[in-house]
N, C-alpha and C. Protein backbone atom coordinates (compact mmCIF):
# COMPACT_ATOMS: atom_id res chain seq x y z
N MET A 1 0.80 -1.29 0.04
CA MET A 1 -0.04 -0.04 0.09
C MET A 1 0.93 1.29 -0.02
N SER A 2 0.43 2.19 -0.77
CA SER A 2 1.34 3.47 -1.03
C SER A 2 0.97 4.29 0.04
N ALA A 3 1.93 5.40 0.33
CA ALA A 3 1.89 6.20 1.39
C ALA A 3 0.76 7.42 1.03
N PRO A 4 0.01 7.88 1.82
CA PRO A 4 -0.96 9.05 1.33
C PRO A 4 -0.06 10.36 0.89
N ARG A 5 -0.56 10.88 -0.32
CA ARG A 5 0.10 12.03 -0.56
C ARG A 5 -0.69 13.33 -0.24
N VAL A 6 0.16 14.38 0.30
CA VAL A 6 -0.39 15.52 0.40
C VAL A 6 0.27 16.60 -0.15
N SER A 7 -0.48 17.57 -0.97
CA SER A 7 -0.01 18.71 -1.71
C SER A 7 -0.05 19.73 -0.78
N PHE A 8 0.55 20.97 -0.80
CA PHE A 8 0.82 21.80 0.00
C PHE A 8 1.13 23.26 -0.51
N VAL A 9 0.35 24.20 0.02
CA VAL A 9 0.42 25.60 -0.47
C VAL A 9 0.73 26.42 0.78
N SER A 10 1.75 27.09 0.55
CA SER A 10 1.89 28.08 1.82
C SER A 10 1.91 29.51 1.39
N LEU A 11 1.33 30.44 2.09
CA LEU A 11 1.15 31.79 1.66
C LEU A 11 1.38 32.57 2.79
N GLY A 12 1.70 33.93 2.49
CA GLY A 12 1.97 34.84 3.71
C GLY A 12 3.34 35.13 4.04
N CYS A 13 3.43 35.44 5.50
CA CYS A 13 4.57 35.81 6.14
C CYS A 13 5.58 34.75 6.56
N PRO A 14 6.64 35.24 7.11
CA PRO A 14 7.78 34.25 7.62
C PRO A 14 7.33 33.39 8.57
N LYS A 15 6.22 33.82 9.61
CA LYS A 15 5.70 33.07 10.46
C LYS A 15 4.90 31.67 9.89
N ALA A 16 4.07 32.31 8.92
CA ALA A 16 3.34 31.30 7.86
C ALA A 16 4.24 30.05 7.54
N LEU A 17 5.42 30.63 7.01
CA LEU A 17 6.32 29.65 6.16
C LEU A 17 6.98 28.52 7.31
N VAL A 18 7.25 29.08 8.49
CA VAL A 18 7.51 28.23 9.61
C VAL A 18 6.60 27.44 9.86
N ASP A 19 5.40 27.77 10.10
CA ASP A 19 4.28 27.00 10.33
C ASP A 19 4.22 25.76 9.25
N SER A 20 4.28 26.22 8.01
CA SER A 20 4.23 25.24 6.82
C SER A 20 5.38 24.34 6.89
N GLU A 21 6.51 24.71 7.31
CA GLU A 21 7.68 23.63 7.32
C GLU A 21 7.46 22.83 8.52
N ARG A 22 6.76 23.12 9.56
CA ARG A 22 6.62 22.28 10.58
C ARG A 22 5.68 21.25 10.15
N ILE A 23 4.48 21.67 9.63
CA ILE A 23 3.36 20.75 9.24
C ILE A 23 3.85 19.85 8.24
N ILE A 24 4.72 20.18 7.32
CA ILE A 24 5.41 19.26 6.43
C ILE A 24 6.01 18.34 7.04
N THR A 25 7.12 18.74 7.97
CA THR A 25 7.73 17.82 8.77
C THR A 25 7.01 16.70 9.43
N ARG A 26 6.20 17.19 9.89
CA ARG A 26 5.14 16.27 10.84
C ARG A 26 4.50 15.29 9.92
N LEU A 27 4.06 15.58 8.81
CA LEU A 27 3.39 14.82 7.86
C LEU A 27 4.47 13.71 7.43
N ARG A 28 5.60 14.08 6.76
CA ARG A 28 6.55 13.46 6.51
C ARG A 28 6.93 12.14 7.80
N ALA A 29 7.18 12.74 8.83
CA ALA A 29 7.45 11.88 9.95
C ALA A 29 6.30 10.89 10.00
N GLU A 30 5.11 11.01 9.94
CA GLU A 30 3.75 10.25 10.03
C GLU A 30 3.71 9.32 8.55
N GLY A 31 4.63 9.39 7.76
CA GLY A 31 4.53 8.61 6.72
C GLY A 31 3.96 9.23 5.27
N TYR A 32 3.49 10.38 5.42
CA TYR A 32 3.12 10.91 4.16
C TYR A 32 3.97 11.35 3.30
N GLU A 33 3.71 11.49 1.92
CA GLU A 33 4.44 11.85 0.96
C GLU A 33 4.04 13.41 0.55
N ILE A 34 5.05 14.19 0.12
CA ILE A 34 4.55 15.46 -0.23
C ILE A 34 4.31 15.45 -1.77
N ALA A 35 3.31 15.81 -2.35
CA ALA A 35 3.03 15.70 -3.92
C ALA A 35 3.38 16.96 -4.42
N ARG A 36 3.75 17.21 -5.72
CA ARG A 36 4.10 18.52 -6.40
C ARG A 36 2.76 19.13 -6.85
N LYS A 37 1.86 18.33 -7.32
CA LYS A 37 0.87 18.75 -7.89
C LYS A 37 -0.45 18.21 -7.04
N HIS A 38 -1.57 19.16 -7.23
CA HIS A 38 -2.89 18.93 -6.23
C HIS A 38 -3.35 17.81 -7.03
N ASP A 39 -3.33 17.68 -8.29
CA ASP A 39 -4.12 16.65 -8.72
C ASP A 39 -3.65 15.13 -8.58
N GLY A 40 -2.37 14.97 -8.12
CA GLY A 40 -1.78 13.78 -7.79
C GLY A 40 -1.89 13.49 -6.31
N ALA A 41 -2.46 14.25 -5.52
CA ALA A 41 -2.58 14.13 -4.00
C ALA A 41 -3.77 13.69 -3.57
N ASP A 42 -3.74 13.05 -2.46
CA ASP A 42 -4.99 12.58 -1.77
C ASP A 42 -5.70 13.84 -1.09
N LEU A 43 -4.86 14.86 -0.84
CA LEU A 43 -5.64 15.92 -0.01
C LEU A 43 -4.43 17.10 -0.24
N VAL A 44 -5.01 18.21 -0.30
CA VAL A 44 -4.45 19.62 -0.21
C VAL A 44 -4.52 20.44 0.90
N VAL A 45 -3.42 20.86 1.53
CA VAL A 45 -3.27 21.47 2.50
C VAL A 45 -3.28 23.13 2.22
N VAL A 46 -4.01 24.02 2.42
CA VAL A 46 -3.36 25.22 2.03
C VAL A 46 -3.34 26.32 3.49
N ASN A 47 -2.10 26.71 3.55
CA ASN A 47 -1.77 27.44 4.68
C ASN A 47 -1.93 28.87 4.17
N THR A 48 -2.88 29.62 5.02
CA THR A 48 -3.36 31.06 4.27
C THR A 48 -2.75 32.14 5.17
N CYS A 49 -2.88 33.36 4.46
CA CYS A 49 -2.78 34.54 5.11
C CYS A 49 -3.87 35.45 4.89
N GLY A 50 -4.20 36.34 5.91
CA GLY A 50 -5.31 37.02 5.77
C GLY A 50 -5.32 38.33 6.51
N PHE A 51 -3.86 38.85 6.54
CA PHE A 51 -3.34 40.01 7.26
C PHE A 51 -3.92 41.25 6.65
N LEU A 52 -3.61 41.30 5.21
CA LEU A 52 -4.13 42.18 4.23
C LEU A 52 -5.13 41.72 3.34
N ASP A 53 -5.87 42.60 2.77
CA ASP A 53 -6.97 42.34 1.94
C ASP A 53 -6.50 41.51 0.55
N SER A 54 -5.27 41.99 0.03
CA SER A 54 -4.64 41.44 -1.14
C SER A 54 -4.40 40.22 -0.64
N ALA A 55 -3.74 39.61 0.57
CA ALA A 55 -3.38 38.35 0.73
C ALA A 55 -4.61 37.57 1.22
N ARG A 56 -5.55 38.12 1.62
CA ARG A 56 -6.56 37.36 1.80
C ARG A 56 -7.24 36.76 0.43
N ASP A 57 -7.35 37.83 -0.52
CA ASP A 57 -7.91 37.56 -1.85
C ASP A 57 -6.90 36.48 -2.55
N GLU A 58 -5.63 36.61 -2.29
CA GLU A 58 -4.81 35.54 -2.74
C GLU A 58 -4.91 34.05 -2.34
N SER A 59 -5.29 34.22 -0.88
CA SER A 59 -5.56 32.99 -0.15
C SER A 59 -6.94 32.21 -0.50
N LEU A 60 -7.91 32.97 -0.61
CA LEU A 60 -9.12 32.62 -1.17
C LEU A 60 -9.02 31.92 -2.72
N ASP A 61 -8.28 32.59 -3.45
CA ASP A 61 -7.99 32.11 -4.81
C ASP A 61 -7.53 30.87 -4.82
N ALA A 62 -6.27 30.55 -4.05
CA ALA A 62 -5.35 29.39 -3.89
C ALA A 62 -6.24 28.35 -3.57
N ILE A 63 -7.42 28.70 -2.50
CA ILE A 63 -8.17 27.73 -2.08
C ILE A 63 -9.12 27.25 -3.06
N GLY A 64 -9.58 28.05 -3.90
CA GLY A 64 -10.45 27.73 -5.06
C GLY A 64 -9.78 26.93 -6.10
N SER A 65 -8.59 27.40 -6.72
CA SER A 65 -7.87 26.66 -7.23
C SER A 65 -7.58 25.18 -6.67
N ALA A 66 -7.14 24.77 -5.54
CA ALA A 66 -7.00 23.63 -5.17
C ALA A 66 -8.17 22.66 -5.11
N LEU A 67 -9.46 23.52 -4.72
CA LEU A 67 -10.48 22.87 -4.76
C LEU A 67 -11.07 22.22 -6.26
N SER A 68 -10.74 23.25 -7.15
CA SER A 68 -11.06 22.78 -8.54
C SER A 68 -10.11 21.62 -9.07
N GLU A 69 -8.69 21.64 -8.79
CA GLU A 69 -7.92 20.63 -8.99
C GLU A 69 -7.82 19.43 -8.46
N ASN A 70 -8.38 19.42 -6.99
CA ASN A 70 -8.29 18.18 -6.21
C ASN A 70 -9.39 17.77 -5.46
N GLY A 71 -10.35 19.07 -4.81
CA GLY A 71 -11.70 18.69 -4.39
C GLY A 71 -11.68 18.39 -2.89
N ARG A 72 -10.49 18.02 -2.15
CA ARG A 72 -10.15 17.66 -0.97
C ARG A 72 -9.11 18.43 -0.48
N VAL A 73 -9.67 19.56 0.47
CA VAL A 73 -8.91 20.72 0.89
C VAL A 73 -8.98 21.05 2.33
N ILE A 74 -8.02 21.15 3.15
CA ILE A 74 -7.73 21.67 4.41
C ILE A 74 -7.27 22.78 4.30
N VAL A 75 -8.18 23.80 5.19
CA VAL A 75 -7.37 25.29 5.35
C VAL A 75 -6.78 25.56 6.71
N THR A 76 -5.61 26.00 6.87
CA THR A 76 -5.02 26.26 8.02
C THR A 76 -4.42 27.87 7.71
N GLY A 77 -4.18 28.30 9.02
CA GLY A 77 -3.53 29.82 8.93
C GLY A 77 -4.47 30.78 9.38
N CYS A 78 -4.27 32.12 9.00
CA CYS A 78 -4.91 33.17 9.41
C CYS A 78 -6.36 33.16 9.04
N LEU A 79 -6.88 32.42 7.83
CA LEU A 79 -8.03 32.73 7.33
C LEU A 79 -8.93 31.68 8.23
N GLY A 80 -8.41 30.66 8.89
CA GLY A 80 -9.09 29.92 10.03
C GLY A 80 -9.77 30.80 11.06
N ALA A 81 -9.13 31.86 11.51
CA ALA A 81 -9.61 32.66 12.44
C ALA A 81 -10.88 33.50 12.15
N GLU A 82 -11.21 33.33 10.95
CA GLU A 82 -12.52 33.99 10.25
C GLU A 82 -13.47 33.05 10.15
N PRO A 83 -14.15 32.42 10.90
CA PRO A 83 -15.02 31.32 10.85
C PRO A 83 -16.12 31.36 9.77
N ARG A 84 -16.59 32.58 9.74
CA ARG A 84 -17.71 32.87 8.42
C ARG A 84 -17.29 32.79 7.34
N LEU A 85 -16.01 33.19 6.92
CA LEU A 85 -15.57 33.68 5.61
C LEU A 85 -15.61 32.21 4.68
N LEU A 86 -14.89 31.40 4.94
CA LEU A 86 -14.75 29.93 4.47
C LEU A 86 -16.12 29.46 3.88
N PRO A 87 -17.03 29.35 4.78
CA PRO A 87 -18.18 28.46 4.80
C PRO A 87 -18.84 29.42 3.30
N GLU A 88 -18.88 30.77 3.42
CA GLU A 88 -19.63 31.40 2.56
C GLU A 88 -18.98 31.49 1.31
N LYS A 89 -17.43 31.37 0.80
CA LYS A 89 -16.69 31.44 -0.16
C LYS A 89 -16.34 30.31 -0.66
N HIS A 90 -15.96 29.40 0.12
CA HIS A 90 -15.75 27.83 -0.33
C HIS A 90 -16.36 26.94 0.70
N PRO A 91 -17.48 26.60 0.61
CA PRO A 91 -18.26 25.68 1.42
C PRO A 91 -17.81 24.22 1.28
N ASN A 92 -17.05 23.77 0.34
CA ASN A 92 -16.62 22.43 0.27
C ASN A 92 -15.20 22.26 1.09
N VAL A 93 -14.63 23.21 1.51
CA VAL A 93 -13.43 23.14 2.12
C VAL A 93 -13.79 21.67 3.35
N LEU A 94 -12.86 20.87 3.50
CA LEU A 94 -13.22 19.73 4.43
C LEU A 94 -13.22 20.25 6.04
N GLU A 95 -11.94 20.97 6.18
CA GLU A 95 -11.82 21.42 7.53
C GLU A 95 -11.07 22.54 7.54
N THR A 96 -11.43 23.33 8.63
CA THR A 96 -10.48 24.87 8.96
C THR A 96 -9.88 24.68 10.00
N ASN A 97 -8.72 25.12 10.25
CA ASN A 97 -7.90 25.19 11.43
C ASN A 97 -7.27 26.61 11.80
N GLU A 98 -7.50 27.06 12.90
CA GLU A 98 -6.88 28.36 13.19
C GLU A 98 -5.60 28.36 13.34
N PRO A 99 -4.93 29.35 13.28
CA PRO A 99 -3.42 29.60 13.44
C PRO A 99 -3.03 29.14 15.03
């Protein structure tokens, strides 16, 4: 049986990048493979930024792209702190985690 594959998108500030690196390290330690493309993954994780309006828009676009390419998306990062936004914009997100 092959290892589950996760594609990852990291957006935002240096803190978000560190968070992304920690998540990826943990996933690898638990036996996941990191996929380069969304359509080759079992799941896509999008680590978002919501500090500026432009960053929020970029995050929402990345979530939309991941949903279109894969359909199985978990969102983490700053947009997770806005619980009403994601269900309105992207109701098919599997799960949202706050930073």
